[in-house]
Amino acid sequence: FKEGAEMFQRMLDFFCHNLSVEIDFNIIKP
């Protein structure tokens, strides 16, 4: 969900600098 993508991105930005994998978010809805 949109809120999940925003939350996970913030966590990745904080904990996971220079990720070797490319992360793409696909926003889903209920």
PDB file of all heavy atoms in Angstrom:
ATOM      1  N   PHE A   1       0.835  -1.197   0.000  1.00  0.00           N
ATOM      2  CA  PHE A   1       0.000   0.000   0.000  1.00  0.00           C
ATOM      3  C   PHE A   1       0.875   1.254   0.000  1.00  0.00           C
ATOM      4  O   PHE A   1       2.064   1.200   0.317  1.00  0.00           O
ATOM      5  CB  PHE A   1      -0.912  -0.007   1.232  1.00  0.00           C
ATOM      6  CG  PHE A   1      -1.907  -1.135   1.231  1.00  0.00           C
ATOM      7  CD1 PHE A   1      -1.648  -2.305   1.942  1.00  0.00           C
ATOM      8  CD2 PHE A   1      -3.085  -1.041   0.507  1.00  0.00           C
ATOM      9  CE1 PHE A   1      -2.560  -3.357   1.941  1.00  0.00           C
ATOM     10  CE2 PHE A   1      -4.000  -2.085   0.500  1.00  0.00           C
ATOM     11  CZ  PHE A   1      -3.738  -3.247   1.208  1.00  0.00           C
ATOM     12  N   LYS A   2       0.280   2.371  -0.356  1.00  0.00           N
ATOM     13  CA  LYS A   2       1.013   3.637  -0.457  1.00  0.00           C
ATOM     14  C   LYS A   2       1.731   3.951   0.846  1.00  0.00           C
ATOM     15  O   LYS A   2       2.895   4.348   0.845  1.00  0.00           O
ATOM     16  CB  LYS A   2       0.046   4.762  -0.826  1.00  0.00           C
ATOM     17  CG  LYS A   2       0.695   6.130  -0.976  1.00  0.00           C
ATOM     18  CD  LYS A   2      -0.344   7.153  -1.449  1.00  0.00           C
ATOM     19  CE  LYS A   2       0.292   8.525  -1.656  1.00  0.00           C
ATOM     20  NZ  LYS A   2       0.718   9.140  -0.377  1.00  0.00           N
ATOM     21  N   GLU A   3       1.038   3.781   1.976  1.00  0.00           N
ATOM     22  CA  GLU A   3       1.658   4.074   3.270  1.00  0.00           C
ATOM     23  C   GLU A   3       2.838   3.145   3.530  1.00  0.00           C
ATOM     24  O   GLU A   3       3.845   3.553   4.124  1.00  0.00           O
ATOM     25  CB  GLU A   3       0.619   3.926   4.392  1.00  0.00           C
ATOM     26  CG  GLU A   3      -0.542   4.902   4.323  1.00  0.00           C
ATOM     27  CD  GLU A   3      -1.636   4.463   3.355  1.00  0.00           C
ATOM     28  OE1 GLU A   3      -1.498   3.388   2.715  1.00  0.00           O
ATOM     29  OE2 GLU A   3      -2.635   5.189   3.247  1.00  0.00           O
ATOM     30  N   GLY A   4       2.739   1.907   3.081  1.00  0.00           N
ATOM     31  CA  GLY A   4       3.840   0.969   3.252  1.00  0.00           C
ATOM     32  C   GLY A   4       5.050   1.359   2.430  1.00  0.00           C
ATOM     33  O   GLY A   4       6.190   1.304   2.901  1.00  0.00           O
ATOM     34  N   ALA A   5       4.820   1.761   1.178  1.00  0.00           N
ATOM     35  CA  ALA A   5       5.937   2.179   0.328  1.00  0.00           C
ATOM     36  C   ALA A   5       6.675   3.360   0.944  1.00  0.00           C
ATOM     37  O   ALA A   5       7.918   3.408   0.955  1.00  0.00           O
ATOM     38  CB  ALA A   5       5.421   2.534  -1.063  1.00  0.00           C
ATOM     39  N   GLU A   6       5.929   4.316   1.474  1.00  0.00           N
ATOM     40  CA  GLU A   6       6.555   5.494   2.088  1.00  0.00           C
ATOM     41  C   GLU A   6       7.347   5.098   3.325  1.00  0.00           C
ATOM     42  O   GLU A   6       8.478   5.572   3.538  1.00  0.00           O
ATOM     43  CB  GLU A   6       5.478   6.516   2.426  1.00  0.00           C
ATOM     44  CG  GLU A   6       4.781   7.102   1.195  1.00  0.00           C
ATOM     45  CD  GLU A   6       3.565   7.943   1.545  1.00  0.00           C
ATOM     46  OE1 GLU A   6       3.147   7.907   2.729  1.00  0.00           O
ATOM     47  OE2 GLU A   6       3.025   8.619   0.637  1.00  0.00           O
ATOM     48  N   MET A   7       6.774   4.228   4.159  1.00  0.00           N
ATOM     49  CA  MET A   7       7.442   3.807   5.389  1.00  0.00           C
ATOM     50  C   MET A   7       8.692   2.982   5.081  1.00  0.00           C
ATOM     51  O   MET A   7       9.770   3.235   5.644  1.00  0.00           O
ATOM     52  CB  MET A   7       6.476   2.987   6.243  1.00  0.00           C
ATOM     53  CG  MET A   7       7.110   2.376   7.490  1.00  0.00           C
ATOM     54  SD  MET A   7       5.924   1.394   8.426  1.00  0.00           S
ATOM     55  CE  MET A   7       5.577   0.071   7.255  1.00  0.00           C
ATOM     56  N   PHE A   8       8.581   2.012   4.192  1.00  0.00           N
ATOM     57  CA  PHE A   8       9.737   1.164   3.871  1.00  0.00           C
ATOM     58  C   PHE A   8      10.848   1.976   3.213  1.00  0.00           C
ATOM     59  O   PHE A   8      12.031   1.720   3.463  1.00  0.00           O
ATOM     60  CB  PHE A   8       9.315   0.016   2.958  1.00  0.00           C
ATOM     61  CG  PHE A   8       8.336  -0.937   3.586  1.00  0.00           C
ATOM     62  CD1 PHE A   8       7.228  -1.379   2.880  1.00  0.00           C
ATOM     63  CD2 PHE A   8       8.528  -1.398   4.887  1.00  0.00           C
ATOM     64  CE1 PHE A   8       6.320  -2.255   3.454  1.00  0.00           C
ATOM     65  CE2 PHE A   8       7.618  -2.277   5.467  1.00  0.00           C
ATOM     66  CZ  PHE A   8       6.512  -2.704   4.742  1.00  0.00           C
ATOM     67  N   GLN A   9      10.487   2.940   2.388  1.00  0.00           N
ATOM     68  CA  GLN A   9      11.513   3.766   1.743  1.00  0.00           C
ATOM     69  C   GLN A   9      12.293   4.569   2.768  1.00  0.00           C
ATOM     70  O   GLN A   9      13.533   4.673   2.681  1.00  0.00           O
ATOM     71  CB  GLN A   9      10.883   4.696   0.710  1.00  0.00           C
ATOM     72  CG  GLN A   9      11.900   5.462  -0.126  1.00  0.00           C
ATOM     73  CD  GLN A   9      12.793   4.545  -0.924  1.00  0.00           C
ATOM     74  OE1 GLN A   9      12.341   3.834  -1.820  1.00  0.00           O
ATOM     75  NE2 GLN A   9      14.096   4.521  -0.610  1.00  0.00           N
ATOM     76  N   ARG A  10      11.587   5.121   3.756  1.00  0.00           N
ATOM     77  CA  ARG A  10      12.296   5.865   4.811  1.00  0.00           C
ATOM     78  C   ARG A  10      13.250   4.954   5.573  1.00  0.00           C
ATOM     79  O   ARG A  10      14.383   5.342   5.903  1.00  0.00           O
ATOM     80  CB  ARG A  10      11.288   6.502   5.767  1.00  0.00           C
ATOM     81  CG  ARG A  10      10.512   7.674   5.182  1.00  0.00           C
ATOM     82  CD  ARG A  10       9.838   8.500   6.273  1.00  0.00           C
ATOM     83  NE  ARG A  10       8.878   7.703   7.030  1.00  0.00           N
ATOM     84  CZ  ARG A  10       7.589   7.577   6.724  1.00  0.00           C
ATOM     85  NH1 ARG A  10       7.110   8.172   5.630  1.00  0.00           N
ATOM     86  NH2 ARG A  10       6.780   6.869   7.475  1.00  0.00           N
ATOM     87  N   MET A  11      12.804   3.734   5.864  1.00  0.00           N
ATOM     88  CA  MET A  11      13.647   2.802   6.601  1.00  0.00           C
ATOM     89  C   MET A  11      14.854   2.375   5.767  1.00  0.00           C
ATOM     90  O   MET A  11      15.976   2.261   6.279  1.00  0.00           O
ATOM     91  CB  MET A  11      12.818   1.585   7.023  1.00  0.00           C
ATOM     92  CG  MET A  11      11.693   1.918   7.994  1.00  0.00           C
ATOM     93  SD  MET A  11      10.621   0.499   8.351  1.00  0.00           S
ATOM     94  CE  MET A  11      11.700  -0.495   9.373  1.00  0.00           C
ATOM     95  N   LEU A  12      14.637   2.148   4.483  1.00  0.00           N
ATOM     96  CA  LEU A  12      15.745   1.795   3.607  1.00  0.00           C
ATOM     97  C   LEU A  12      16.748   2.942   3.494  1.00  0.00           C
ATOM     98  O   LEU A  12      17.968   2.720   3.495  1.00  0.00           O
ATOM     99  CB  LEU A  12      15.220   1.410   2.226  1.00  0.00           C
ATOM    100  CG  LEU A  12      14.462   0.082   2.135  1.00  0.00           C
ATOM    101  CD1 LEU A  12      13.791  -0.072   0.772  1.00  0.00           C
ATOM    102  CD2 LEU A  12      15.392  -1.100   2.396  1.00  0.00           C
ATOM    103  N   ASP A  13      16.241   4.157   3.394  1.00  0.00           N
ATOM    104  CA  ASP A  13      17.125   5.320   3.307  1.00  0.00           C
ATOM    105  C   ASP A  13      17.985   5.448   4.560  1.00  0.00           C
ATOM    106  O   ASP A  13      19.155   5.877   4.490  1.00  0.00           O
ATOM    107  CB  ASP A  13      16.301   6.596   3.123  1.00  0.00           C
ATOM    108  CG  ASP A  13      15.656   6.685   1.752  1.00  0.00           C
ATOM    109  OD1 ASP A  13      16.092   5.960   0.837  1.00  0.00           O
ATOM    110  OD2 ASP A  13      14.704   7.481   1.601  1.00  0.00           O
ATOM    111  N   PHE A  14      17.421   5.078   5.711  1.00  0.00           N
ATOM    112  CA  PHE A  14      18.143   5.224   6.976  1.00  0.00           C
ATOM    113  C   PHE A  14      19.126   4.074   7.205  1.00  0.00           C
ATOM    114  O   PHE A  14      20.270   4.289   7.608  1.00  0.00           O
ATOM    115  CB  PHE A  14      17.153   5.293   8.139  1.00  0.00           C
ATOM    116  CG  PHE A  14      17.792   5.617   9.457  1.00  0.00           C
ATOM    117  CD1 PHE A  14      18.037   6.935   9.829  1.00  0.00           C
ATOM    118  CD2 PHE A  14      18.169   4.602  10.330  1.00  0.00           C
ATOM    119  CE1 PHE A  14      18.639   7.229  11.052  1.00  0.00           C
ATOM    120  CE2 PHE A  14      18.775   4.884  11.546  1.00  0.00           C
ATOM    121  CZ  PHE A  14      19.006   6.214  11.905  1.00  0.00           C
ATOM    122  N   PHE A  15      18.686   2.833   6.955  1.00  0.00           N
ATOM    123  CA  PHE A  15      19.483   1.666   7.317  1.00  0.00           C
ATOM    124  C   PHE A  15      20.305   1.079   6.175  1.00  0.00           C
ATOM    125  O   PHE A  15      21.291   0.380   6.430  1.00  0.00           O
ATOM    126  CB  PHE A  15      18.564   0.559   7.862  1.00  0.00           C
ATOM    127  CG  PHE A  15      17.965   0.849   9.207  1.00  0.00           C
ATOM    128  CD1 PHE A  15      16.630   1.166   9.333  1.00  0.00           C
ATOM    129  CD2 PHE A  15      18.750   0.814  10.351  1.00  0.00           C
ATOM    130  CE1 PHE A  15      16.072   1.431  10.569  1.00  0.00           C
ATOM    131  CE2 PHE A  15      18.211   1.072  11.598  1.00  0.00           C
ATOM    132  CZ  PHE A  15      16.854   1.387  11.709  1.00  0.00           C
ATOM    133  N   CYS A  16      19.893   1.309   4.948  1.00  0.00           N
ATOM    134  CA  CYS A  16      20.473   0.555   3.823  1.00  0.00           C
ATOM    135  C   CYS A  16      21.017   1.488   2.759  1.00  0.00           C
ATOM    136  O   CYS A  16      20.391   1.680   1.697  1.00  0.00           O
ATOM    137  CB  CYS A  16      19.423  -0.381   3.218  1.00  0.00           C
ATOM    138  SG  CYS A  16      18.636  -1.468   4.415  1.00  0.00           S
ATOM    139  N   HIS A  17      22.160   2.074   3.009  1.00  0.00           N
ATOM    140  CA  HIS A  17      22.775   2.959   2.022  1.00  0.00           C
ATOM    141  C   HIS A  17      23.408   2.131   0.896  1.00  0.00           C
ATOM    142  O   HIS A  17      23.948   1.055   1.121  1.00  0.00           O
ATOM    143  CB  HIS A  17      23.843   3.828   2.694  1.00  0.00           C
ATOM    144  CG  HIS A  17      23.304   4.675   3.805  1.00  0.00           C
ATOM    145  ND1 HIS A  17      22.474   5.746   3.588  1.00  0.00           N
ATOM    146  CD2 HIS A  17      23.463   4.589   5.149  1.00  0.00           C
ATOM    147  CE1 HIS A  17      22.161   6.295   4.747  1.00  0.00           C
ATOM    148  NE2 HIS A  17      22.750   5.610   5.718  1.00  0.00           N
ATOM    149  N   ASN A  18      23.334   2.645  -0.297  1.00  0.00           N
ATOM    150  CA  ASN A  18      23.984   2.025  -1.457  1.00  0.00           C
ATOM    151  C   ASN A  18      23.557   0.567  -1.659  1.00  0.00           C
ATOM    152  O   ASN A  18      24.383  -0.352  -1.759  1.00  0.00           O
ATOM    153  CB  ASN A  18      25.503   2.097  -1.307  1.00  0.00           C
ATOM    154  CG  ASN A  18      26.004   3.520  -1.174  1.00  0.00           C
ATOM    155  OD1 ASN A  18      25.550   4.405  -1.911  1.00  0.00           O
ATOM    156  ND2 ASN A  18      26.914   3.748  -0.245  1.00  0.00           N
ATOM    157  N   LEU A  19      22.253   0.369  -1.703  1.00  0.00           N
ATOM    158  CA  LEU A  19      21.734  -0.966  -1.955  1.00  0.00           C
ATOM    159  C   LEU A  19      22.235  -1.486  -3.302  1.00  0.00           C
ATOM    160  O   LEU A  19      22.241  -0.759  -4.289  1.00  0.00           O
ATOM    161  CB  LEU A  19      20.204  -0.950  -1.967  1.00  0.00           C
ATOM    162  CG  LEU A  19      19.478  -0.989  -0.619  1.00  0.00           C
ATOM    163  CD1 LEU A  19      17.978  -0.781  -0.838  1.00  0.00           C
ATOM    164  CD2 LEU A  19      19.728  -2.300   0.105  1.00  0.00           C
ATOM    165  N   SER A  20      22.627  -2.754  -3.336  1.00  0.00           N
ATOM    166  CA  SER A  20      23.063  -3.346  -4.595  1.00  0.00           C
ATOM    167  C   SER A  20      21.885  -3.833  -5.430  1.00  0.00           C
ATOM    168  O   SER A  20      22.027  -4.087  -6.624  1.00  0.00           O
ATOM    169  CB  SER A  20      24.018  -4.519  -4.331  1.00  0.00           C
ATOM    170  OG  SER A  20      23.352  -5.562  -3.641  1.00  0.00           O
ATOM    171  N   VAL A  21      20.726  -3.981  -4.790  1.00  0.00           N
ATOM    172  CA  VAL A  21      19.523  -4.381  -5.515  1.00  0.00           C
ATOM    173  C   VAL A  21      18.674  -3.138  -5.788  1.00  0.00           C
ATOM    174  O   VAL A  21      18.657  -2.198  -5.005  1.00  0.00           O
ATOM    175  CB  VAL A  21      18.701  -5.414  -4.724  1.00  0.00           C
ATOM    176  CG1 VAL A  21      19.417  -6.735  -4.661  1.00  0.00           C
ATOM    177  CG2 VAL A  21      18.363  -4.914  -3.330  1.00  0.00           C
ATOM    178  N   GLU A  22      18.018  -3.145  -6.923  1.00  0.00           N
ATOM    179  CA  GLU A  22      17.113  -2.048  -7.264  1.00  0.00           C
ATOM    180  C   GLU A  22      15.735  -2.351  -6.682  1.00  0.00           C
ATOM    181  O   GLU A  22      15.171  -3.422  -6.918  1.00  0.00           O
ATOM    182  CB  GLU A  22      17.012  -1.905  -8.779  1.00  0.00           C
ATOM    183  CG  GLU A  22      16.034  -0.824  -9.226  1.00  0.00           C
ATOM    184  CD  GLU A  22      15.839  -0.813 -10.722  1.00  0.00           C
ATOM    185  OE1 GLU A  22      16.588  -1.525 -11.431  1.00  0.00           O
ATOM    186  OE2 GLU A  22      14.915  -0.096 -11.182  1.00  0.00           O
ATOM    187  N   ILE A  23      15.204  -1.417  -5.911  1.00  0.00           N
ATOM    188  CA  ILE A  23      13.902  -1.599  -5.265  1.00  0.00           C
ATOM    189  C   ILE A  23      12.855  -0.764  -5.992  1.00  0.00           C
ATOM    190  O   ILE A  23      13.024   0.442  -6.182  1.00  0.00           O
ATOM    191  CB  ILE A  23      13.932  -1.200  -3.776  1.00  0.00           C
ATOM    192  CG1 ILE A  23      15.013  -1.986  -3.030  1.00  0.00           C
ATOM    193  CG2 ILE A  23      12.563  -1.427  -3.144  1.00  0.00           C
ATOM    194  CD1 ILE A  23      14.831  -3.469  -3.043  1.00  0.00           C
ATOM    195  N   ASP A  24      11.800  -1.440  -6.392  1.00  0.00           N
ATOM    196  CA  ASP A  24      10.684  -0.761  -7.055  1.00  0.00           C
ATOM    197  C   ASP A  24       9.424  -1.042  -6.254  1.00  0.00           C
ATOM    198  O   ASP A  24       9.197  -2.180  -5.840  1.00  0.00           O
ATOM    199  CB  ASP A  24      10.537  -1.273  -8.490  1.00  0.00           C
ATOM    200  CG  ASP A  24       9.411  -0.573  -9.235  1.00  0.00           C
ATOM    201  OD1 ASP A  24       9.255   0.645  -9.074  1.00  0.00           O
ATOM    202  OD2 ASP A  24       8.670  -1.260  -9.969  1.00  0.00           O
ATOM    203  N   PHE A  25       8.622  -0.008  -6.028  1.00  0.00           N
ATOM    204  CA  PHE A  25       7.372  -0.179  -5.292  1.00  0.00           C
ATOM    205  C   PHE A  25       6.197  -0.150  -6.261  1.00  0.00           C
ATOM    206  O   PHE A  25       6.084   0.767  -7.087  1.00  0.00           O
ATOM    207  CB  PHE A  25       7.192   0.925  -4.242  1.00  0.00           C
ATOM    208  CG  PHE A  25       8.127   0.800  -3.068  1.00  0.00           C
ATOM    209  CD1 PHE A  25       9.263   1.599  -2.981  1.00  0.00           C
ATOM    210  CD2 PHE A  25       7.871  -0.112  -2.056  1.00  0.00           C
ATOM    211  CE1 PHE A  25      10.126   1.494  -1.913  1.00  0.00           C
ATOM    212  CE2 PHE A  25       8.732  -0.232  -0.979  1.00  0.00           C
ATOM    213  CZ  PHE A  25       9.860   0.575  -0.902  1.00  0.00           C
ATOM    214  N   ASN A  26       5.354  -1.149  -6.164  1.00  0.00           N
ATOM    215  CA  ASN A  26       4.096  -1.163  -6.904  1.00  0.00           C
ATOM    216  C   ASN A  26       2.971  -0.939  -5.912  1.00  0.00           C
ATOM    217  O   ASN A  26       2.755  -1.764  -5.010  1.00  0.00           O
ATOM    218  CB  ASN A  26       3.912  -2.502  -7.629  1.00  0.00           C
ATOM    219  CG  ASN A  26       2.587  -2.551  -8.380  1.00  0.00           C
ATOM    220  OD1 ASN A  26       2.160  -1.555  -8.950  1.00  0.00           O
ATOM    221  ND2 ASN A  26       1.935  -3.697  -8.364  1.00  0.00           N
ATOM    222  N   ILE A  27       2.264   0.166  -6.037  1.00  0.00           N
ATOM    223  CA  ILE A  27       1.234   0.540  -5.075  1.00  0.00           C
ATOM    224  C   ILE A  27      -0.042  -0.247  -5.349  1.00  0.00           C
ATOM    225  O   ILE A  27      -0.570  -0.233  -6.464  1.00  0.00           O
ATOM    226  CB  ILE A  27       0.947   2.054  -5.125  1.00  0.00           C
ATOM    227  CG1 ILE A  27       2.247   2.843  -4.925  1.00  0.00           C
ATOM    228  CG2 ILE A  27      -0.092   2.431  -4.080  1.00  0.00           C
ATOM    229  CD1 ILE A  27       2.979   2.534  -3.648  1.00  0.00           C
ATOM    230  N   ILE A  28      -0.516  -0.932  -4.315  1.00  0.00           N
ATOM    231  CA  ILE A  28      -1.749  -1.694  -4.432  1.00  0.00           C
ATOM    232  C   ILE A  28      -2.844  -1.046  -3.600  1.00  0.00           C
ATOM    233  O   ILE A  28      -2.570  -0.196  -2.738  1.00  0.00           O
ATOM    234  CB  ILE A  28      -1.555  -3.164  -4.000  1.00  0.00           C
ATOM    235  CG1 ILE A  28      -1.166  -3.237  -2.515  1.00  0.00           C
ATOM    236  CG2 ILE A  28      -0.490  -3.832  -4.865  1.00  0.00           C
ATOM    237  CD1 ILE A  28      -1.056  -4.669  -1.986  1.00  0.00           C
ATOM    238  N   LYS A  29      -4.064  -1.435  -3.847  1.00  0.00           N
ATOM    239  CA  LYS A  29      -5.222  -0.915  -3.115  1.00  0.00           C
ATOM    240  C   LYS A  29      -6.082  -2.089  -2.661  1.00  0.00           C
ATOM    241  O   LYS A  29      -5.989  -3.181  -3.227  1.00  0.00           O
ATOM    242  CB  LYS A  29      -6.033   0.023  -4.009  1.00  0.00           C
ATOM    243  CG  LYS A  29      -5.275   1.252  -4.487  1.00  0.00           C
ATOM    244  CD  LYS A  29      -6.144   2.108  -5.414  1.00  0.00           C
ATOM    245  CE  LYS A  29      -5.383   3.322  -5.910  1.00  0.00           C
ATOM    246  NZ  LYS A  29      -6.197   4.159  -6.836  1.00  0.00           N
ATOM    247  N   PRO A  30      -6.942  -1.879  -1.667  1.00  0.00           N
ATOM    248  CA  PRO A  30      -7.820  -2.964  -1.215  1.00  0.00           C
ATOM    249  C   PRO A  30      -8.974  -3.170  -2.195  1.00  0.00           C
ATOM    250  O   PRO A  30     -10.119  -2.804  -1.940  1.00  0.00           O
ATOM    251  CB  PRO A  30      -8.307  -2.472   0.150  1.00  0.00           C
ATOM    252  CG  PRO A  30      -8.240  -0.993   0.066  1.00  0.00           C
ATOM    253  CD  PRO A  30      -7.063  -0.676  -0.817  1.00  0.00           C
TER     254      PRO A  30
END
